[in-house]
N, C-alpha and C. Protein backbone atom coordinates (compact mmCIF):
# COMPACT_ATOMS: atom_id res chain seq x y z
N MET A 1 0.69 -1.00 0.36
CA MET A 1 -0.03 -0.23 0.25
C MET A 1 0.78 1.14 0.07
N ARG A 2 2.14 1.01 0.74
CA ARG A 2 2.67 2.34 0.67
C ARG A 2 3.62 2.39 -0.67
N ARG A 3 3.67 1.79 -1.68
CA ARG A 3 3.65 2.37 -2.83
C ARG A 3 2.88 3.10 -3.56
N SER A 4 1.58 2.50 -3.69
CA SER A 4 0.02 3.12 -4.11
C SER A 4 -0.20 4.52 -3.53
N VAL A 5 0.33 4.92 -2.17
CA VAL A 5 0.18 6.28 -2.00
C VAL A 5 1.54 7.24 -2.21
N ILE A 6 2.59 6.94 -2.59
CA ILE A 6 3.75 7.44 -2.84
C ILE A 6 3.52 7.97 -4.58
N LEU A 7 2.78 7.03 -5.00
CA LEU A 7 2.82 7.22 -6.34
C LEU A 7 1.03 8.23 -7.32
N LEU A 8 0.18 8.04 -5.73
CA LEU A 8 -1.18 8.85 -6.03
C LEU A 8 -0.79 10.39 -6.41
N TRP A 9 0.50 10.45 -5.55
CA TRP A 9 0.70 12.14 -5.40
C TRP A 9 1.96 13.01 -6.00
N LEU A 10 2.59 11.85 -6.49
CA LEU A 10 3.33 11.99 -7.41
C LEU A 10 2.90 12.14 -8.52
N ILE A 11 1.62 11.18 -8.96
CA ILE A 11 1.15 11.45 -10.75
C ILE A 11 0.26 12.89 -10.29
N CYS A 12 -0.57 12.77 -9.69
CA CYS A 12 -2.19 13.45 -9.29
C CYS A 12 -1.97 14.00 -8.65
N PRO A 13 -1.99 13.81 -8.26
CA PRO A 13 -1.21 14.93 -8.11
C PRO A 13 -2.50 15.26 -7.41
N PHE A 14 -2.25 16.51 -6.31
CA PHE A 14 -4.09 17.09 -6.26
C PHE A 14 -3.82 18.28 -5.24
N VAL A 15 -4.35 19.61 -5.27
CA VAL A 15 -3.77 20.63 -4.27
C VAL A 15 -4.55 21.84 -4.22
N ALA A 16 -4.23 22.53 -3.84
CA ALA A 16 -4.67 24.03 -3.32
C ALA A 16 -4.26 25.04 -3.86
N ALA A 17 -4.99 26.28 -4.08
CA ALA A 17 -4.26 27.23 -4.61
C ALA A 17 -3.60 28.48 -3.55
N ALA A 18 -2.71 29.03 -4.06
CA ALA A 18 -1.70 29.70 -2.72
C ALA A 18 -2.62 31.25 -2.92
N GLN A 19 -3.41 31.85 -3.65
CA GLN A 19 -4.08 32.96 -3.77
C GLN A 19 -5.67 32.55 -3.08
N GLU A 20 -6.85 33.57 -2.84
CA GLU A 20 -7.88 33.32 -2.13
C GLU A 20 -8.65 32.58 -3.52
N ALA A 21 -8.93 33.46 -4.74
CA ALA A 21 -9.83 33.41 -5.25
C ALA A 21 -9.39 31.27 -6.39
N ALA A 22 -10.19 31.08 -6.28
CA ALA A 22 -9.79 29.24 -7.51
C ALA A 22 -9.22 30.60 -8.87
N GLY A 23 -8.36 29.84 -9.90
CA GLY A 23 -7.93 30.04 -10.84
C GLY A 23 -8.38 28.84 -11.65
N PRO A 24 -8.60 29.28 -13.23
CA PRO A 24 -9.46 28.46 -14.27
C PRO A 24 -8.77 27.22 -13.97
N GLY A 25 -9.78 26.24 -14.22
CA GLY A 25 -9.33 24.51 -13.52
C GLY A 25 -9.00 24.14 -12.74
N GLU A 26 -8.59 24.88 -11.48
CA GLU A 26 -8.56 24.63 -9.91
C GLU A 26 -9.71 23.38 -9.28
N ASP A 27 -10.78 23.79 -9.65
CA ASP A 27 -11.31 22.99 -9.26
C ASP A 27 -12.14 22.00 -9.36
N PHE A 28 -10.77 21.12 -10.41
CA PHE A 28 -10.81 19.30 -10.45
C PHE A 28 -9.64 19.34 -9.26
N PHE A 29 -9.58 19.73 -8.67
CA PHE A 29 -8.89 19.56 -7.28
C PHE A 29 -8.93 20.30 -6.28
N PRO A 30 -10.51 20.94 -5.89
CA PRO A 30 -11.23 21.47 -4.54
C PRO A 30 -10.00 21.25 -3.21
N LEU A 31 -9.53 22.49 -2.88
CA LEU A 31 -8.86 22.09 -1.74
C LEU A 31 -9.11 22.90 -0.60
N ALA A 32 -9.36 22.52 0.70
CA ALA A 32 -9.48 23.64 1.63
C ALA A 32 -8.67 22.93 2.98
N VAL A 33 -8.14 22.96 3.82
CA VAL A 33 -7.78 23.00 4.92
C VAL A 33 -9.07 22.11 5.70
N GLY A 34 -9.30 20.29 5.67
CA GLY A 34 -10.41 19.68 5.97
C GLY A 34 -10.99 18.73 5.22
N ASN A 35 -10.83 19.13 3.75
CA ASN A 35 -11.49 18.40 2.89
C ASN A 35 -10.60 16.68 2.93
N THR A 36 -11.59 15.85 2.48
CA THR A 36 -10.96 14.41 3.18
C THR A 36 -11.93 13.78 1.95
N TRP A 37 -10.97 12.91 1.46
CA TRP A 37 -11.60 11.96 0.53
C TRP A 37 -11.24 10.67 1.06
N THR A 38 -12.09 9.38 0.83
CA THR A 38 -12.09 8.12 1.27
C THR A 38 -11.87 7.29 -0.30
N TYR A 39 -11.17 6.17 -0.48
CA TYR A 39 -11.45 5.89 -1.31
C TYR A 39 -10.70 4.25 -0.89
N ARG A 40 -12.32 3.74 -1.55
CA ARG A 40 -11.39 1.97 -1.53
C ARG A 40 -10.53 1.20 -2.44
N VAL A 41 -9.63 0.14 -1.81
CA VAL A 41 -8.69 -0.27 -2.54
C VAL A 41 -9.40 -1.76 -3.35
N LEU A 42 -9.30 -1.68 -4.09
CA LEU A 42 -9.95 -3.02 -5.00
C LEU A 42 -9.57 -4.70 -4.54
N GLY A 43 -10.03 -5.23 -4.13
CA GLY A 43 -9.41 -6.49 -4.37
C GLY A 43 -8.90 -6.42 -2.30
N GLN A 44 -9.57 -5.49 -1.63
CA GLN A 44 -8.64 -5.56 0.02
C GLN A 44 -9.67 -4.97 0.85
N ASP A 45 -9.74 -5.02 2.02
CA ASP A 45 -10.34 -4.38 2.90
C ASP A 45 -10.53 -3.04 3.32
N ASP A 46 -8.93 -2.87 2.82
CA ASP A 46 -8.11 -1.15 3.36
C ASP A 46 -9.24 -0.12 2.66
N ARG A 47 -9.16 0.87 3.17
CA ARG A 47 -9.37 1.88 2.96
C ARG A 47 -8.21 3.69 3.26
N PHE A 48 -8.13 4.44 1.80
CA PHE A 48 -7.10 5.19 1.73
C PHE A 48 -7.41 6.27 2.27
N VAL A 49 -7.09 7.23 3.16
CA VAL A 49 -7.94 7.93 3.70
C VAL A 49 -6.83 9.40 3.67
N VAL A 50 -7.43 10.37 2.82
CA VAL A 50 -6.40 11.12 2.50
C VAL A 50 -7.11 12.94 2.56
N ARG A 51 -6.43 13.74 3.75
CA ARG A 51 -7.32 14.98 4.30
C ARG A 51 -5.73 15.73 4.02
N VAL A 52 -6.64 16.92 4.21
CA VAL A 52 -5.81 18.31 4.07
C VAL A 52 -5.35 18.53 5.41
N MET A 53 -3.85 18.64 5.57
CA MET A 53 -4.35 19.30 7.01
C MET A 53 -3.91 20.55 7.14
N ARG A 54 -3.02 21.21 6.85
CA ARG A 54 -2.89 22.14 6.62
C ARG A 54 -1.80 23.25 5.67
N LYS A 55 -2.05 24.50 5.91
CA LYS A 55 -1.14 25.68 4.78
C LYS A 55 0.61 25.72 5.43
N GLU A 56 1.40 25.39 4.68
CA GLU A 56 2.88 25.27 5.19
C GLU A 56 3.43 26.06 3.99
N MET A 57 4.49 26.89 4.32
CA MET A 57 5.60 27.64 3.17
C MET A 57 6.72 26.61 3.08
N ILE A 58 7.18 26.80 1.97
CA ILE A 58 8.41 25.67 0.92
C ILE A 58 8.79 27.08 0.86
N GLY A 59 9.39 27.41 0.95
CA GLY A 59 10.69 28.53 0.67
C GLY A 59 9.74 29.69 0.60
N GLU A 60 9.03 30.72 -0.79
CA GLU A 60 8.44 31.71 -1.00
C GLU A 60 6.93 31.10 -1.62
N GLN A 61 6.60 29.88 -1.48
CA GLN A 61 5.47 29.05 -2.11
C GLN A 61 4.32 28.81 -0.71
N THR A 62 3.76 29.23 -0.53
CA THR A 62 2.14 28.44 0.03
C THR A 62 1.98 27.45 -0.36
N THR A 63 2.10 26.23 0.18
CA THR A 63 1.44 25.13 -0.21
C THR A 63 0.60 24.23 0.84
N PHE A 64 0.08 23.61 0.56
CA PHE A 64 -1.04 23.03 1.27
C PHE A 64 -0.22 21.32 1.59
N GLN A 65 -0.18 20.86 3.07
CA GLN A 65 0.18 19.41 3.11
C GLN A 65 -1.08 18.11 3.14
N LEU A 66 -0.90 17.04 2.61
CA LEU A 66 -1.83 16.49 2.54
C LEU A 66 -1.19 15.12 3.51
N GLU A 67 -2.38 14.78 4.40
CA GLU A 67 -1.74 13.46 4.56
C GLU A 67 -2.36 11.96 4.38
N GLY A 68 -1.71 10.90 3.68
CA GLY A 68 -2.50 9.53 3.50
C GLY A 68 -2.63 9.04 4.26
N ARG A 69 -3.62 8.24 5.42
CA ARG A 69 -3.56 7.27 5.79
C ARG A 69 -4.58 5.56 5.29
N VAL A 70 -3.83 4.48 6.23
CA VAL A 70 -4.41 3.51 5.84
C VAL A 70 -4.70 2.78 7.22
N LYS A 71 -5.65 1.98 7.72
CA LYS A 71 -6.14 2.06 9.20
C LYS A 71 -5.38 2.90 10.03
N ASP A 72 -6.01 4.09 9.77
CA ASP A 72 -5.64 5.26 10.69
C ASP A 72 -4.25 5.46 11.04
N LYS A 73 -3.39 4.61 10.63
CA LYS A 73 -1.80 5.48 10.30
C LYS A 73 -1.37 5.85 9.21
N VAL A 74 -0.72 7.08 9.74
CA VAL A 74 0.03 8.06 8.74
C VAL A 74 0.64 7.28 7.87
N VAL A 75 0.96 7.15 6.46
CA VAL A 75 1.92 6.33 5.53
C VAL A 75 2.61 7.21 5.19
N ALA A 76 1.89 8.75 4.57
CA ALA A 76 2.50 9.62 3.63
C ALA A 76 1.79 11.17 3.71
N THR A 77 2.88 12.09 3.59
CA THR A 77 2.50 13.39 3.42
C THR A 77 2.83 13.79 2.10
N GLU A 78 2.22 14.99 1.70
CA GLU A 78 2.67 15.49 0.38
C GLU A 78 2.66 16.88 0.64
N HIS A 79 3.45 17.99 0.16
CA HIS A 79 2.86 19.15 -0.02
C HIS A 79 2.80 19.51 -1.22
N LEU A 80 1.70 20.30 -1.67
CA LEU A 80 1.31 20.54 -3.10
C LEU A 80 0.96 21.86 -3.21
N ALA A 81 0.62 22.57 -4.51
CA ALA A 81 0.17 24.24 -4.27
C ALA A 81 -0.05 24.37 -6.03
N PHE A 82 -1.02 25.11 -6.44
CA PHE A 82 -1.29 25.48 -7.68
C PHE A 82 -0.42 26.62 -8.01
N THR A 83 0.46 26.64 -8.77
CA THR A 83 1.19 27.86 -9.60
C THR A 83 0.67 28.09 -10.72
N LYS A 84 1.50 29.06 -11.14
CA LYS A 84 0.78 29.69 -13.01
C LYS A 84 1.29 28.10 -14.13
N GLU A 85 1.61 27.63 -13.84
CA GLU A 85 2.08 26.68 -14.43
C GLU A 85 0.83 25.18 -14.07
N GLY A 86 0.51 25.53 -12.71
CA GLY A 86 -0.61 24.56 -12.58
C GLY A 86 -0.29 23.21 -11.36
N LEU A 87 -1.25 22.56 -10.86
CA LEU A 87 -0.50 21.66 -9.71
C LEU A 87 0.35 21.42 -9.77
N THR A 88 1.55 21.61 -8.57
CA THR A 88 2.77 21.11 -8.34
C THR A 88 2.85 20.52 -7.21
N ARG A 89 3.51 19.50 -6.86
CA ARG A 89 4.32 18.67 -6.41
C ARG A 89 5.76 19.42 -5.91
N PHE A 90 5.51 19.78 -4.13
CA PHE A 90 6.98 20.68 -4.01
C PHE A 90 7.96 19.36 -2.72
N ARG A 91 7.25 18.38 -2.36
CA ARG A 91 7.48 17.74 -1.34
C ARG A 91 7.13 16.66 -1.19
N ALA A 92 7.56 15.64 -1.03
CA ALA A 92 7.42 13.66 -1.02
C ALA A 92 7.72 13.68 1.00
N ASP A 93 6.74 13.06 1.91
CA ASP A 93 7.18 13.15 2.74
C ASP A 93 8.52 14.62 3.27
N LYS A 94 9.60 13.97 3.44
CA LYS A 94 10.35 15.21 4.55
C LYS A 94 10.96 15.31 3.18
N GLU A 95 11.37 14.75 2.12
CA GLU A 95 12.13 15.35 0.99
C GLU A 95 11.69 16.20 0.10
N ASP A 96 12.38 17.25 -0.45
CA ASP A 96 11.80 18.24 -1.12
C ASP A 96 11.75 17.65 -2.74
N VAL A 97 10.82 18.00 -3.83
CA VAL A 97 10.81 17.31 -5.21
C VAL A 97 11.78 18.36 -6.02
N VAL A 98 12.83 17.97 -6.37
CA VAL A 98 13.85 18.77 -6.91
C VAL A 98 14.24 18.72 -8.41
N PRO A 99 13.71 19.43 -9.16
CA PRO A 99 12.68 21.00 -9.02
C PRO A 99 11.22 20.53 -9.15
N PRO A 100 10.30 21.40 -8.50
CA PRO A 100 8.52 20.80 -8.46
C PRO A 100 8.22 19.98 -9.52
N VAL A 101 7.34 19.38 -9.31
CA VAL A 101 6.56 18.74 -10.55
C VAL A 101 5.30 19.42 -10.75
N ASN A 102 5.12 19.97 -12.28
CA ASN A 102 3.51 19.88 -12.40
C ASN A 102 2.94 18.60 -12.83
N VAL A 103 2.04 18.60 -11.91
CA VAL A 103 1.66 17.32 -12.28
C VAL A 103 0.19 17.45 -13.40
N LEU A 104 -0.33 18.56 -13.42
CA LEU A 104 -1.95 19.01 -13.89
C LEU A 104 -1.29 20.38 -14.45
N GLN A 105 -1.17 20.19 -15.71
CA GLN A 105 -1.38 21.72 -16.18
C GLN A 105 -2.74 22.47 -16.57
N LEU A 106 -2.52 24.10 -16.43
CA LEU A 106 -3.29 24.61 -16.52
C LEU A 106 -3.21 25.79 -17.57
N PRO A 107 -4.32 26.24 -18.12
CA PRO A 107 -5.20 25.96 -18.33
C PRO A 107 -5.72 24.66 -18.92
N ILE A 108 -6.98 24.09 -18.07
CA ILE A 108 -7.40 22.81 -19.08
C ILE A 108 -7.50 23.01 -20.79
N ALA A 109 -6.86 22.31 -21.48
CA ALA A 109 -7.42 22.03 -23.07
C ALA A 109 -7.59 20.80 -23.42
N ARG A 110 -8.13 20.32 -24.44
CA ARG A 110 -8.57 19.75 -25.20
C ARG A 110 -7.26 18.31 -24.71
N SER A 111 -6.12 18.50 -25.09
CA SER A 111 -4.92 17.32 -24.92
C SER A 111 -3.90 18.26 -24.70
N ARG A 112 -2.83 17.36 -24.15
CA ARG A 112 -1.86 17.97 -24.05
C ARG A 112 -0.79 16.70 -23.37
N GLU A 113 0.40 17.62 -23.47
CA GLU A 113 1.84 16.22 -23.06
C GLU A 113 2.85 17.37 -22.60
N TRP A 114 3.65 16.49 -21.49
CA TRP A 114 4.54 17.30 -20.88
C TRP A 114 5.19 16.07 -20.41
N LYS A 115 6.60 16.84 -20.01
CA LYS A 115 7.09 15.67 -19.14
C LYS A 115 8.23 16.56 -18.40
N ALA A 116 8.81 16.20 -17.06
CA ALA A 116 10.06 16.27 -16.20
C ALA A 116 11.09 15.14 -15.92
N ASP A 117 11.91 16.20 -15.67
CA ASP A 117 13.00 15.34 -15.01
C ASP A 117 12.95 16.13 -13.33
N PHE A 118 13.02 15.07 -12.21
CA PHE A 118 13.48 15.37 -10.97
C PHE A 118 13.93 14.63 -9.92
N GLN A 119 14.20 15.37 -8.73
CA GLN A 119 14.90 14.44 -7.98
C GLN A 119 14.52 14.65 -6.51
N VAL A 120 13.52 13.41 -5.71
CA VAL A 120 13.75 13.38 -4.26
C VAL A 120 14.39 12.16 -3.45
N GLY A 121 14.96 13.20 -2.53
CA GLY A 121 16.13 12.40 -2.42
C GLY A 121 17.35 12.66 -2.87
N GLU A 122 18.03 11.07 -2.87
CA GLU A 122 18.84 10.77 -3.98
C GLU A 122 18.44 10.20 -5.10
N ARG A 123 16.83 9.82 -5.38
CA ARG A 123 16.39 9.02 -6.82
C ARG A 123 16.32 10.26 -7.36
N LYS A 124 16.47 10.06 -8.62
CA LYS A 124 16.14 10.73 -9.83
C LYS A 124 15.71 9.70 -10.77
N SER A 125 14.75 10.59 -11.49
CA SER A 125 13.29 10.01 -12.00
C SER A 125 13.04 11.54 -13.41
N SER A 126 12.46 10.52 -14.14
CA SER A 126 11.90 11.09 -15.33
C SER A 126 10.65 10.87 -15.29
N VAL A 127 9.18 11.78 -15.90
CA VAL A 127 7.82 11.47 -15.78
C VAL A 127 7.89 11.87 -17.11
N LYS A 128 6.64 11.33 -17.78
CA LYS A 128 6.04 12.28 -19.31
C LYS A 128 4.56 11.78 -18.82
N PHE A 129 3.70 12.88 -19.10
CA PHE A 129 2.03 13.46 -18.83
C PHE A 129 1.62 12.64 -19.96
N LYS A 130 0.45 12.77 -19.97
CA LYS A 130 -0.51 12.84 -21.00
C LYS A 130 -2.18 12.96 -20.73
N ARG A 131 -2.92 14.30 -21.02
CA ARG A 131 -4.18 14.30 -20.53
C ARG A 131 -5.13 14.61 -21.47
N ASP A 132 -6.50 13.78 -21.63
CA ASP A 132 -7.11 13.37 -22.26
C ASP A 132 -8.49 14.60 -22.07
N PHE A 133 -8.99 15.50 -22.68
CA PHE A 133 -10.39 16.81 -21.36
C PHE A 133 -11.71 16.10 -22.26
N PHE A 134 -12.24 15.56 -21.52
CA PHE A 134 -13.90 15.01 -21.82
C PHE A 134 -13.70 14.64 -23.02
N SER A 135 -13.14 13.68 -23.32
CA SER A 135 -13.22 12.99 -24.33
C SER A 135 -14.84 11.89 -24.03
N PRO A 136 -15.73 11.58 -24.88
CA PRO A 136 -16.99 10.92 -24.84
C PRO A 136 -16.87 9.89 -24.03
N ASN A 137 -15.43 9.32 -24.11
CA ASN A 137 -15.18 7.53 -23.97
C ASN A 137 -14.38 8.04 -22.46
N VAL A 138 -14.01 9.06 -21.55
CA VAL A 138 -13.91 9.42 -19.98
C VAL A 138 -14.44 9.34 -19.28
N ILE A 139 -14.76 8.33 -18.84
CA ILE A 139 -16.12 8.12 -17.90
C ILE A 139 -15.91 7.68 -16.68
N ALA A 140 -15.65 8.09 -15.22
CA ALA A 140 -15.26 7.18 -14.25
C ALA A 140 -16.25 7.10 -13.71
N ASP A 141 -16.94 5.43 -13.13
CA ASP A 141 -17.63 5.33 -12.48
C ASP A 141 -17.53 4.98 -10.79
N VAL A 142 -17.53 5.38 -10.01
CA VAL A 142 -16.43 4.72 -8.59
C VAL A 142 -17.76 4.71 -7.89
N PRO A 143 -17.58 4.29 -6.37
CA PRO A 143 -18.88 4.33 -5.79
C PRO A 143 -19.75 5.68 -4.76
N TYR A 144 -18.87 6.30 -5.31
CA TYR A 144 -19.45 8.11 -5.06
C TYR A 144 -20.31 8.48 -6.41
N GLY A 145 -20.07 8.11 -7.43
CA GLY A 145 -21.23 8.33 -8.39
C GLY A 145 -20.22 7.86 -9.92
N ARG A 146 -20.91 9.05 -10.86
CA ARG A 146 -20.50 8.96 -12.11
C ARG A 146 -20.09 9.83 -13.00
N PHE A 147 -19.13 10.21 -13.71
CA PHE A 147 -18.32 11.53 -13.34
C PHE A 147 -17.67 11.25 -14.89
N ARG A 148 -17.98 12.25 -15.66
CA ARG A 148 -17.24 12.91 -16.80
C ARG A 148 -15.92 13.39 -16.18
N ALA A 149 -14.72 13.01 -16.82
CA ALA A 149 -13.10 13.47 -16.12
C ALA A 149 -12.36 13.90 -17.12
N ILE A 150 -11.28 14.22 -16.46
CA ILE A 150 -10.09 14.60 -16.84
C ILE A 150 -9.39 13.49 -16.38
N LYS A 151 -8.85 12.61 -17.97
CA LYS A 151 -8.07 11.36 -17.51
C LYS A 151 -6.51 11.93 -17.60
N ILE A 152 -5.77 11.68 -16.70
CA ILE A 152 -4.15 11.53 -16.62
C ILE A 152 -3.04 10.08 -16.72
N ASP A 153 -2.41 10.36 -18.51
CA ASP A 153 -1.85 8.96 -18.12
C ASP A 153 -0.26 9.97 -18.02
N ALA A 154 0.74 8.80 -17.00
CA ALA A 154 1.70 9.35 -16.58
C ALA A 154 2.51 8.07 -16.31
N GLU A 155 3.67 8.16 -17.32
CA GLU A 155 4.61 7.29 -17.43
C GLU A 155 6.02 7.68 -16.84
N ILE A 156 6.20 6.68 -15.35
CA ILE A 156 7.56 7.07 -14.31
C ILE A 156 8.75 6.21 -14.78
N THR A 157 9.93 7.12 -14.87
CA THR A 157 11.10 5.71 -15.32
C THR A 157 12.36 6.67 -14.45
N PRO A 158 12.54 5.58 -13.64
CA PRO A 158 13.49 6.16 -12.43
C PRO A 158 14.87 5.72 -13.21
N GLU A 159 16.08 6.40 -12.65
CA GLU A 159 17.03 6.44 -13.59
C GLU A 159 17.50 4.85 -13.02
N SER A 160 17.42 4.51 -12.04
CA SER A 160 17.93 3.03 -11.36
C SER A 160 17.40 1.72 -12.50
N GLY A 161 16.12 2.43 -13.23
CA GLY A 161 15.87 1.19 -14.37
C GLY A 161 14.05 1.10 -13.49
N GLY A 162 13.42 0.67 -14.52
CA GLY A 162 11.95 -0.05 -14.44
C GLY A 162 11.30 0.93 -14.85
N LYS A 163 9.60 0.72 -15.15
CA LYS A 163 9.00 2.03 -15.41
C LYS A 163 7.74 1.31 -15.01
N THR A 164 6.79 2.85 -14.40
CA THR A 164 5.64 2.28 -13.66
C THR A 164 4.68 3.00 -14.75
N LEU A 165 3.30 2.66 -15.20
CA LEU A 165 2.14 3.43 -15.68
C LEU A 165 1.29 3.83 -14.55
N THR A 166 0.86 4.70 -14.75
CA THR A 166 -0.63 5.21 -13.45
C THR A 166 -1.74 5.84 -14.48
N TYR A 167 -2.41 5.77 -13.99
CA TYR A 167 -3.68 6.58 -14.85
C TYR A 167 -4.73 7.04 -13.75
N ILE A 168 -4.96 8.73 -13.73
CA ILE A 168 -5.80 9.05 -13.06
C ILE A 168 -7.13 10.21 -13.22
N TRP A 169 -8.19 9.56 -12.39
CA TRP A 169 -9.01 10.58 -13.50
C TRP A 169 -9.79 12.00 -12.22
N TYR A 170 -10.11 12.94 -12.51
CA TYR A 170 -10.09 14.32 -12.04
C TYR A 170 -11.27 14.37 -12.78
N ALA A 171 -12.26 15.07 -11.66
CA ALA A 171 -13.99 15.16 -12.01
C ALA A 171 -13.91 16.94 -11.05
N GLU A 172 -14.52 17.69 -11.54
CA GLU A 172 -15.02 19.04 -11.27
C GLU A 172 -15.41 18.83 -10.09
N ARG A 173 -15.12 19.68 -9.21
CA ARG A 173 -15.67 20.04 -8.04
C ARG A 173 -15.60 19.50 -7.10
N VAL A 174 -14.60 18.22 -6.86
CA VAL A 174 -14.90 16.56 -6.74
C VAL A 174 -13.33 16.48 -6.30
N GLY A 175 -12.61 16.08 -7.38
CA GLY A 175 -11.43 16.20 -7.62
C GLY A 175 -10.97 14.94 -7.54
N VAL A 176 -9.52 14.23 -6.97
CA VAL A 176 -9.44 12.67 -7.99
C VAL A 176 -10.53 11.77 -7.73
N VAL A 177 -10.94 10.76 -8.67
CA VAL A 177 -11.98 9.90 -8.00
C VAL A 177 -12.07 8.81 -8.39
N LYS A 178 -10.70 8.43 -9.54
CA LYS A 178 -10.04 7.05 -9.55
C LYS A 178 -8.55 7.64 -9.95
N GLN A 179 -7.79 5.97 -9.36
CA GLN A 179 -6.66 5.86 -9.57
C GLN A 179 -6.15 4.34 -10.23
N THR A 180 -5.38 3.80 -11.27
CA THR A 180 -4.90 2.55 -11.57
C THR A 180 -3.73 2.72 -11.66
N ILE A 181 -2.84 1.73 -10.72
CA ILE A 181 -1.54 1.81 -11.20
C ILE A 181 -1.47 0.55 -11.42
N MET A 182 -0.23 0.41 -12.58
CA MET A 182 0.01 -0.83 -13.73
C MET A 182 1.42 -1.62 -13.29
N GLU A 183 1.20 -2.85 -13.20
CA GLU A 183 2.52 -3.63 -13.19
C GLU A 183 2.13 -4.58 -14.44
N GLY A 184 2.91 -4.04 -15.90
CA GLY A 184 2.61 -4.87 -17.32
C GLY A 184 1.23 -4.00 -17.75
N LYS A 185 0.96 -5.04 -18.05
CA LYS A 185 -0.23 -5.11 -18.63
C LYS A 185 -1.87 -5.32 -17.85
N ARG A 186 -1.47 -5.58 -16.39
CA ARG A 186 -2.34 -5.61 -15.67
C ARG A 186 -2.72 -4.74 -14.36
N PRO A 187 -3.68 -4.39 -13.65
CA PRO A 187 -3.47 -3.35 -12.89
C PRO A 187 -2.96 -3.90 -11.34
N LEU A 188 -2.25 -3.06 -10.61
CA LEU A 188 -1.56 -3.62 -9.66
C LEU A 188 -2.52 -3.07 -8.28
N ILE A 189 -2.85 -1.63 -8.50
CA ILE A 189 -3.83 -1.26 -7.91
C ILE A 189 -4.97 -0.43 -8.02
N VAL A 190 -5.83 -0.05 -7.62
CA VAL A 190 -6.58 0.57 -8.15
C VAL A 190 -7.70 1.33 -6.91
N LEU A 191 -7.44 2.39 -7.17
CA LEU A 191 -8.40 3.34 -6.25
C LEU A 191 -9.83 3.67 -6.09
N GLU A 192 -10.72 3.70 -5.66
CA GLU A 192 -11.45 3.99 -6.26
C GLU A 192 -12.40 4.96 -5.35
N LEU A 193 -12.91 6.09 -5.22
CA LEU A 193 -13.60 7.29 -4.45
C LEU A 193 -14.77 6.89 -3.78
N GLU A 194 -14.83 6.95 -2.71
CA GLU A 194 -16.15 6.26 -1.78
C GLU A 194 -17.28 7.11 -1.10
N LYS A 195 -16.60 8.59 -0.66
CA LYS A 195 -16.83 9.41 -0.07
C LYS A 195 -15.82 10.78 -0.31
N PHE A 196 -16.32 11.88 0.10
CA PHE A 196 -15.59 13.39 0.34
C PHE A 196 -16.72 14.27 0.52
N GLU A 197 -15.85 14.93 1.59
CA GLU A 197 -16.06 15.38 3.04
C GLU A 197 -15.73 16.37 2.90
N LYS A 198 -16.37 17.85 2.71
CA LYS A 198 -15.59 18.95 2.79
C LYS A 198 -15.20 19.47 4.09
N GLY A 199 -14.08 20.47 4.31
CA GLY A 199 -13.25 21.14 5.56
C GLY A 199 -14.45 22.27 5.66
N GLU A 200 -13.32 23.32 5.66
CA GLU A 200 -13.34 24.61 5.79
C GLU A 200 -14.44 25.76 4.91
């Protein structure tokens, strides 16, 4: 489960704006302190619960700290913020992401591809993103409901070798409703949104 938590926030990312008013596209991950997402893990009894804990400065950037729990145990924290480029990941647990990685480019367009090289601690990796916007086939059916969504495909390649594919679905006013992490051609982990609770 540890692997899925790390990949969830690496790819999808998900965060709140540094300014008061949300910019175009930012409601695809509506965050405020206290917002909570509960995901079921297909094939398991576990629930993966993500909560926005607090605002925190990293350098000159206001970020939001997100905390992921399984069985009421903290398994990961992330620091993210919306910048002028879009949703950006600044820290994974206690290690900075250098340079910060843009995981959802804004403004939203019909389709877009982008890539990044980054380092977390001693680990160097590259990632390629591809986004499709409201294709007729991009529908996410999850326990929380049925959503038209933006689907992000991401391919992560560590410098040490190997490759991981992950797919994430974002819905307006809700955020991430589904994520699939692949092992070869078969799903390794599937997270589906079961409940979304607003905070402040």
